[in-house]
N, C-alpha and C. Protein backbone atom coordinates (compact mmCIF):
# COMPACT_ATOMS: atom_id res chain seq x y z
N MET A 1 -2.70 4.21 -5.61
CA MET A 1 -2.33 5.08 -6.61
C MET A 1 -2.94 6.29 -7.02
N THR A 2 -2.51 7.35 -6.75
CA THR A 2 -3.20 8.91 -7.46
C THR A 2 -3.17 8.58 -8.73
N ARG A 3 -3.76 9.98 -9.15
CA ARG A 3 -3.86 9.78 -10.94
C ARG A 3 -2.47 10.66 -11.62
N GLN A 4 -1.51 11.15 -10.35
CA GLN A 4 0.21 11.89 -10.95
C GLN A 4 0.85 10.32 -10.67
N GLU A 5 0.98 9.09 -9.75
CA GLU A 5 1.54 8.32 -9.48
C GLU A 5 0.91 7.67 -11.20
N LEU A 6 0.02 7.24 -11.37
CA LEU A 6 -0.04 6.85 -12.53
C LEU A 6 0.39 6.97 -13.90
N ILE A 7 -0.01 8.61 -13.79
CA ILE A 7 0.59 8.67 -15.05
C ILE A 7 2.50 8.80 -15.25
N ASN A 8 2.57 9.12 -13.80
CA ASN A 8 4.50 8.87 -13.98
C ASN A 8 4.80 7.36 -14.43
N TYR A 9 3.89 6.07 -13.69
CA TYR A 9 4.23 5.06 -13.86
C TYR A 9 3.93 4.67 -15.56
N ILE A 10 2.77 5.06 -16.30
CA ILE A 10 2.87 4.88 -17.57
C ILE A 10 3.66 5.28 -18.04
N PHE A 11 3.91 6.06 -17.78
CA PHE A 11 5.27 7.29 -18.84
C PHE A 11 6.61 5.73 -18.03
N ASN A 12 6.69 6.02 -17.32
CA ASN A 12 7.90 5.17 -17.13
C ASN A 12 8.18 3.68 -17.32
N THR A 13 6.65 3.28 -16.98
CA THR A 13 6.81 1.34 -17.81
C THR A 13 6.41 1.70 -19.71
N TYR A 14 5.95 2.75 -20.06
CA TYR A 14 5.47 2.50 -21.63
C TYR A 14 5.65 2.99 -22.45
N SER A 15 6.61 4.37 -21.55
CA SER A 15 6.79 5.48 -22.47
C SER A 15 5.58 6.06 -23.69
N VAL A 16 4.89 6.39 -22.73
CA VAL A 16 3.10 6.82 -23.16
C VAL A 16 3.10 8.13 -22.06
N GLU A 17 3.03 9.20 -22.57
CA GLU A 17 2.12 10.30 -22.20
C GLU A 17 0.53 10.39 -22.62
N PRO A 18 0.02 11.22 -21.61
CA PRO A 18 -1.34 11.25 -21.73
C PRO A 18 -1.85 12.14 -22.81
N ASP A 19 -2.87 11.69 -23.32
CA ASP A 19 -3.46 12.08 -24.77
C ASP A 19 -4.73 13.26 -24.03
N TYR A 20 -5.00 14.45 -24.60
CA TYR A 20 -6.44 15.36 -23.93
C TYR A 20 -7.13 15.18 -25.15
N PRO A 21 -7.78 14.54 -25.54
CA PRO A 21 -8.50 14.86 -26.86
C PRO A 21 -9.75 14.92 -26.86
N PHE A 22 -10.35 15.63 -25.63
CA PHE A 22 -11.26 16.16 -25.87
C PHE A 22 -11.58 17.63 -25.94
N PRO A 23 -12.06 18.24 -26.72
CA PRO A 23 -12.16 19.65 -26.07
C PRO A 23 -12.37 20.10 -25.08
N ARG A 24 -12.03 21.40 -24.44
CA ARG A 24 -12.46 21.87 -23.14
C ARG A 24 -12.75 20.90 -22.14
N ASP A 25 -11.76 20.21 -22.15
CA ASP A 25 -11.91 19.18 -21.23
C ASP A 25 -10.12 18.75 -20.87
N ASP A 26 -9.96 19.42 -20.33
CA ASP A 26 -8.16 19.14 -19.98
C ASP A 26 -8.01 18.31 -18.84
N VAL A 27 -9.11 17.85 -18.18
CA VAL A 27 -8.57 16.68 -17.32
C VAL A 27 -8.83 15.18 -17.44
N THR A 28 -9.64 15.03 -18.56
CA THR A 28 -9.79 13.60 -18.71
C THR A 28 -8.68 13.20 -19.98
N CYS A 29 -7.81 11.88 -19.46
CA CYS A 29 -6.68 12.13 -20.52
C CYS A 29 -6.64 10.34 -20.94
N VAL A 30 -6.28 10.19 -21.96
CA VAL A 30 -6.01 8.58 -22.46
C VAL A 30 -4.80 8.42 -22.78
N PHE A 31 -4.76 6.83 -22.53
CA PHE A 31 -3.07 6.54 -22.78
C PHE A 31 -3.57 5.71 -23.98
N ARG A 32 -2.59 5.88 -25.14
CA ARG A 32 -2.84 4.75 -26.45
C ARG A 32 -1.35 4.55 -26.55
N HIS A 33 -1.47 3.68 -27.36
CA HIS A 33 -0.32 2.79 -27.90
C HIS A 33 0.27 4.02 -28.78
N ILE A 34 1.36 3.86 -28.99
CA ILE A 34 1.92 4.75 -29.87
C ILE A 34 1.40 3.86 -31.28
N ASP A 35 1.72 2.86 -31.65
CA ASP A 35 1.84 2.64 -32.96
C ASP A 35 0.26 2.72 -34.03
N ASN A 36 -0.77 2.16 -32.98
CA ASN A 36 -1.65 1.76 -33.30
C ASN A 36 -3.05 2.69 -32.81
N ARG A 37 -2.48 3.52 -31.86
CA ARG A 37 -3.37 4.29 -31.36
C ARG A 37 -4.43 4.07 -30.59
N LYS A 38 -4.74 2.81 -30.21
CA LYS A 38 -5.52 2.17 -29.49
C LYS A 38 -5.58 2.50 -27.77
N TRP A 39 -6.86 2.92 -27.14
CA TRP A 39 -6.67 3.05 -25.89
C TRP A 39 -6.17 1.50 -25.29
N PHE A 40 -5.50 1.88 -23.92
CA PHE A 40 -5.46 1.20 -22.73
C PHE A 40 -5.34 1.52 -21.98
N GLY A 41 -6.06 2.71 -21.71
CA GLY A 41 -6.46 3.40 -20.57
C GLY A 41 -6.97 4.43 -20.73
N ILE A 42 -8.18 5.33 -19.86
CA ILE A 42 -8.53 6.63 -19.78
C ILE A 42 -8.87 6.87 -18.47
N ALA A 43 -8.28 7.95 -17.89
CA ALA A 43 -8.87 8.56 -16.47
C ALA A 43 -9.54 9.71 -16.52
N MET A 44 -10.17 9.50 -15.85
CA MET A 44 -11.31 10.94 -15.80
C MET A 44 -11.46 11.24 -14.28
N VAL A 45 -12.61 12.17 -14.04
CA VAL A 45 -12.93 12.52 -12.76
C VAL A 45 -14.47 12.51 -12.77
N ILE A 46 -15.20 11.78 -11.74
CA ILE A 46 -16.20 11.35 -11.56
C ILE A 46 -17.17 11.32 -10.23
N PRO A 47 -18.15 11.76 -10.07
CA PRO A 47 -18.91 12.27 -9.02
C PRO A 47 -18.81 10.74 -8.13
N TYR A 48 -18.47 10.28 -6.95
CA TYR A 48 -18.66 9.09 -6.59
C TYR A 48 -20.02 8.51 -6.62
N ARG A 49 -20.96 9.08 -6.64
CA ARG A 49 -22.45 9.06 -6.81
C ARG A 49 -23.15 8.29 -7.82
N THR A 50 -21.95 8.66 -9.37
CA THR A 50 -22.47 8.03 -10.15
C THR A 50 -21.95 6.93 -10.36
N LEU A 51 -20.95 5.99 -9.31
CA LEU A 51 -20.51 4.91 -9.44
C LEU A 51 -21.12 4.58 -8.23
N GLY A 52 -22.30 4.69 -7.96
CA GLY A 52 -23.51 4.34 -7.12
C GLY A 52 -22.65 3.99 -5.42
N ILE A 53 -22.02 5.03 -5.34
CA ILE A 53 -21.29 5.04 -3.84
C ILE A 53 -21.66 5.88 -3.19
N ASN A 54 -22.23 6.06 -2.14
CA ASN A 54 -23.04 6.68 -1.32
C ASN A 54 -21.88 7.89 -0.54
N GLN A 55 -21.49 8.93 -1.38
CA GLN A 55 -20.21 9.27 -1.10
C GLN A 55 -20.25 10.92 -1.44
N ASP A 56 -20.20 11.98 -1.21
CA ASP A 56 -20.25 13.20 -2.17
C ASP A 56 -19.04 13.54 -2.46
N GLY A 57 -18.78 14.02 -3.58
CA GLY A 57 -17.49 14.54 -3.83
C GLY A 57 -17.09 13.86 -5.20
N GLU A 58 -15.84 13.89 -5.93
CA GLU A 58 -15.41 12.95 -6.94
C GLU A 58 -14.16 12.54 -6.66
N VAL A 59 -14.06 11.63 -7.66
CA VAL A 59 -12.77 10.99 -7.52
C VAL A 59 -12.11 10.63 -8.69
N ASP A 60 -10.67 10.62 -8.75
CA ASP A 60 -10.68 10.25 -10.27
C ASP A 60 -10.47 8.30 -10.09
N VAL A 61 -10.69 8.49 -11.74
CA VAL A 61 -10.57 7.08 -11.74
C VAL A 61 -9.72 6.47 -13.29
N LEU A 62 -9.45 5.26 -13.38
CA LEU A 62 -9.14 4.44 -14.40
C LEU A 62 -10.05 3.86 -14.92
N ASN A 63 -10.32 3.95 -16.40
CA ASN A 63 -10.41 2.90 -17.08
C ASN A 63 -9.84 1.87 -17.16
N ILE A 64 -9.67 0.59 -17.80
CA ILE A 64 -8.87 -0.29 -18.66
C ILE A 64 -9.79 -1.37 -19.15
N LYS A 65 -9.07 -1.56 -20.18
CA LYS A 65 -9.57 -3.50 -20.73
C LYS A 65 -9.00 -4.67 -20.10
N CYS A 66 -10.35 -5.28 -19.76
CA CYS A 66 -10.06 -6.30 -18.67
C CYS A 66 -10.33 -7.90 -19.42
N ASN A 67 -9.65 -9.02 -18.93
CA ASN A 67 -10.31 -10.41 -19.69
C ASN A 67 -11.77 -10.00 -18.88
N PRO A 68 -12.66 -10.56 -19.42
CA PRO A 68 -13.89 -10.93 -19.05
C PRO A 68 -14.03 -11.97 -18.00
N ILE A 69 -13.10 -12.89 -18.16
CA ILE A 69 -13.67 -14.10 -17.28
C ILE A 69 -13.16 -13.01 -16.14
N MET A 70 -12.08 -12.35 -16.05
CA MET A 70 -11.81 -12.00 -14.39
C MET A 70 -12.89 -10.52 -13.89
N MET A 71 -13.53 -10.17 -14.26
CA MET A 71 -14.53 -9.04 -14.17
C MET A 71 -15.56 -9.41 -12.87
N GLY A 72 -15.88 -10.48 -12.90
CA GLY A 72 -16.78 -10.91 -11.41
C GLY A 72 -16.25 -10.53 -10.03
N SER A 73 -14.77 -11.64 -10.28
CA SER A 73 -14.20 -11.36 -9.07
C SER A 73 -12.82 -9.94 -8.74
N LEU A 74 -12.91 -9.39 -10.23
CA LEU A 74 -12.47 -7.88 -9.46
C LEU A 74 -13.50 -7.28 -8.78
N ARG A 75 -14.76 -7.97 -9.27
CA ARG A 75 -15.54 -6.27 -9.30
C ARG A 75 -15.71 -6.40 -7.51
N ASP A 76 -15.45 -7.49 -6.67
CA ASP A 76 -15.56 -7.71 -5.41
C ASP A 76 -14.26 -7.29 -4.92
N LYS A 77 -13.96 -6.81 -5.17
CA LYS A 77 -12.39 -6.20 -4.60
C LYS A 77 -12.77 -4.33 -3.96
N PRO A 78 -12.14 -4.17 -2.99
CA PRO A 78 -12.17 -2.53 -2.95
C PRO A 78 -11.47 -2.01 -4.15
N GLY A 79 -12.30 -0.71 -4.76
CA GLY A 79 -11.33 -0.07 -5.48
C GLY A 79 -11.70 -0.19 -6.86
N PHE A 80 -12.65 -1.41 -7.36
CA PHE A 80 -13.23 -1.61 -8.82
C PHE A 80 -14.52 -1.58 -8.86
N ARG A 81 -14.87 -1.11 -9.91
CA ARG A 81 -16.30 -0.97 -9.76
C ARG A 81 -16.63 -1.62 -11.78
N PRO A 82 -17.49 -1.86 -12.03
CA PRO A 82 -18.27 -1.99 -12.96
C PRO A 82 -18.21 -0.73 -14.12
N ALA A 83 -17.67 -0.75 -15.21
CA ALA A 83 -16.86 -0.01 -16.01
C ALA A 83 -17.81 1.37 -16.27
N TYR A 84 -17.58 2.69 -16.05
CA TYR A 84 -18.17 3.46 -16.16
C TYR A 84 -18.00 4.51 -17.31
N HIS A 85 -19.38 4.53 -18.15
CA HIS A 85 -19.13 5.25 -19.20
C HIS A 85 -18.61 4.52 -20.60
N MET A 86 -18.36 2.92 -20.48
CA MET A 86 -17.74 1.89 -21.30
C MET A 86 -18.36 0.54 -21.47
N ASN A 87 -18.17 -0.50 -22.00
CA ASN A 87 -18.53 -1.53 -22.52
C ASN A 87 -18.25 -2.51 -21.13
N LYS A 88 -19.20 -2.56 -20.09
CA LYS A 88 -18.51 -3.55 -18.83
C LYS A 88 -18.72 -4.50 -19.07
N ASP A 89 -18.73 -5.56 -20.25
CA ASP A 89 -17.90 -6.58 -20.58
C ASP A 89 -16.69 -6.52 -20.79
N LYS A 90 -16.13 -5.86 -21.15
CA LYS A 90 -14.67 -5.74 -21.46
C LYS A 90 -13.92 -4.28 -20.66
N TRP A 91 -14.18 -3.80 -19.94
CA TRP A 91 -13.80 -2.64 -19.37
C TRP A 91 -14.05 -2.54 -17.95
N ILE A 92 -13.15 -2.46 -17.25
CA ILE A 92 -13.47 -2.19 -15.43
C ILE A 92 -12.85 -0.56 -15.41
N THR A 93 -13.81 0.13 -14.07
CA THR A 93 -13.30 1.12 -13.60
C THR A 93 -12.49 0.44 -12.36
N ILE A 94 -11.39 1.73 -12.19
CA ILE A 94 -10.62 1.07 -11.32
C ILE A 94 -10.73 2.51 -10.16
N LEU A 95 -10.64 2.60 -9.23
CA LEU A 95 -10.78 4.20 -8.37
C LEU A 95 -9.31 4.62 -7.99
N LEU A 96 -9.26 5.43 -7.96
CA LEU A 96 -7.52 5.90 -7.69
C LEU A 96 -7.62 6.83 -6.56
N ASP A 97 -8.12 6.37 -5.31
CA ASP A 97 -8.18 7.00 -4.14
C ASP A 97 -7.68 6.49 -3.29
N GLY A 98 -6.38 5.09 -3.65
CA GLY A 98 -6.15 4.57 -2.76
C GLY A 98 -6.83 3.35 -2.16
N SER A 99 -7.84 3.19 -2.26
CA SER A 99 -8.89 2.15 -2.13
C SER A 99 -8.71 0.21 -3.21
N ALA A 100 -7.42 0.92 -4.23
CA ALA A 100 -7.35 -0.48 -4.92
C ALA A 100 -6.24 -0.67 -4.84
N GLU A 101 -5.59 -1.84 -4.48
CA GLU A 101 -4.26 -2.29 -4.30
C GLU A 101 -3.26 -1.55 -5.75
N GLN A 102 -1.93 -1.20 -5.42
CA GLN A 102 -1.14 -0.98 -6.50
C GLN A 102 -0.49 -1.75 -7.37
N GLU A 103 -0.40 -2.72 -6.30
CA GLU A 103 0.07 -4.35 -7.67
C GLU A 103 -1.31 -4.74 -8.82
N ASP A 104 -2.32 -4.64 -7.90
CA ASP A 104 -3.58 -4.90 -8.96
C ASP A 104 -3.50 -3.56 -10.26
N ILE A 105 -3.51 -2.54 -9.79
CA ILE A 105 -3.67 -1.79 -10.93
C ILE A 105 -2.46 -1.81 -11.89
N THR A 106 -1.56 -1.91 -11.62
CA THR A 106 -0.22 -2.41 -12.75
C THR A 106 -0.38 -3.67 -13.32
N ALA A 107 -0.81 -4.97 -12.49
CA ALA A 107 -0.76 -6.13 -13.31
C ALA A 107 -1.95 -5.93 -14.13
N LEU A 108 -3.43 -5.31 -13.81
CA LEU A 108 -3.77 -4.76 -14.84
C LEU A 108 -3.92 -3.73 -15.79
N LEU A 109 -3.01 -3.11 -15.53
CA LEU A 109 -2.43 -1.69 -16.99
C LEU A 109 -1.51 -2.77 -17.82
N ALA A 110 -1.02 -3.68 -17.19
CA ALA A 110 0.05 -4.82 -18.33
C ALA A 110 -0.95 -5.71 -19.12
N MET A 111 -2.28 -5.98 -18.65
CA MET A 111 -3.11 -6.67 -19.33
C MET A 111 -3.81 -6.00 -20.01
N SER A 112 -4.43 -5.09 -19.82
CA SER A 112 -4.81 -3.88 -20.93
C SER A 112 -4.04 -3.93 -22.10
N TYR A 113 -2.50 -3.35 -21.85
CA TYR A 113 -1.43 -2.83 -22.84
C TYR A 113 -1.58 -4.12 -23.64
N SER A 114 -1.40 -5.12 -23.01
CA SER A 114 -1.10 -6.22 -24.03
C SER A 114 -2.46 -6.49 -24.83
N MET A 115 -3.67 -6.56 -24.65
CA MET A 115 -5.22 -6.89 -24.99
C MET A 115 -5.19 -5.76 -26.30
N THR A 116 -4.50 -4.67 -25.74
CA THR A 116 -4.80 -3.43 -27.06
C THR A 116 -3.53 -3.01 -27.61
N ALA A 117 -2.69 -4.34 -27.95
CA ALA A 117 -1.46 -4.09 -28.74
C ALA A 117 -1.35 -4.53 -29.84
N SER A 118 -0.71 -3.94 -30.96
CA SER A 118 -0.80 -4.66 -32.42
C SER A 118 -0.70 -5.89 -32.58
N ARG A 119 -1.62 -6.68 -33.22
CA ARG A 119 -1.11 -7.70 -33.60
C ARG A 119 0.12 -8.31 -34.62
N ILE A 120 1.49 -8.83 -34.34
CA ILE A 120 1.82 -9.37 -35.17
C ILE A 120 1.88 -10.58 -35.83
N ARG A 121 1.29 -10.52 -37.52
CA ARG A 121 1.30 -11.96 -37.86
C ARG A 121 2.81 -12.60 -38.01
N ARG A 122 2.42 -13.87 -37.89
CA ARG A 122 3.90 -14.69 -37.76
C ARG A 122 3.70 -15.79 -38.63
N LYS A 123 4.91 -15.80 -39.56
CA LYS A 123 4.34 -16.69 -40.37
C LYS A 123 4.98 -18.53 -39.82
N THR A 124 3.93 -19.27 -39.89
CA THR A 124 4.24 -20.82 -39.80
C THR A 124 5.39 -21.41 -40.57
N ASN A 125 5.47 -22.64 -40.31
CA ASN A 125 6.50 -23.34 -40.64
C ASN A 125 5.97 -23.37 -41.80
N HIS A 126 4.85 -23.72 -41.97
CA HIS A 126 4.19 -24.08 -43.73
C HIS A 126 4.41 -23.13 -44.39
N GLU A 127 4.05 -21.75 -43.99
CA GLU A 127 3.65 -20.59 -45.03
C GLU A 127 5.14 -20.44 -45.19
N ILE A 128 6.21 -20.49 -44.15
CA ILE A 128 7.92 -20.43 -44.75
C ILE A 128 8.19 -21.07 -45.82
N HIS A 129 8.01 -22.37 -45.72
CA HIS A 129 8.18 -23.62 -46.93
C HIS A 129 7.60 -23.30 -47.95
N SER A 130 6.75 -22.68 -48.10
CA SER A 130 6.00 -22.88 -49.34
C SER A 130 6.19 -21.68 -50.17
N ASP A 131 6.72 -20.48 -49.46
CA ASP A 131 7.10 -19.31 -50.67
C ASP A 131 8.23 -19.61 -51.74
């Protein structure tokens, strides 16, 4: 999945456009929930070597929030790295260079979206009947 494919997918799936919140940086973009403004993803361009990859040049990446239980197995898959510049226990970096499977990216985006969504308090039966 390329950066543009990612942007299109997020718009078509979640109706979210990229937000460019950093002054003088028209590349790094975040994807936020419309209601609570929480990030469920951030796309950046970083050097391969910054990720510990012995390769020249830069790569588009996506950081997403992830279930900590899944971190170990994901880091063993092609295209996945410990989170760049984020909490490595709760976020993971996905390379957008074709090395990560698109199905994995979209499934993990759904997880990140869900994990960062607003929590709606639901009344229990007890609360309903005690009003």
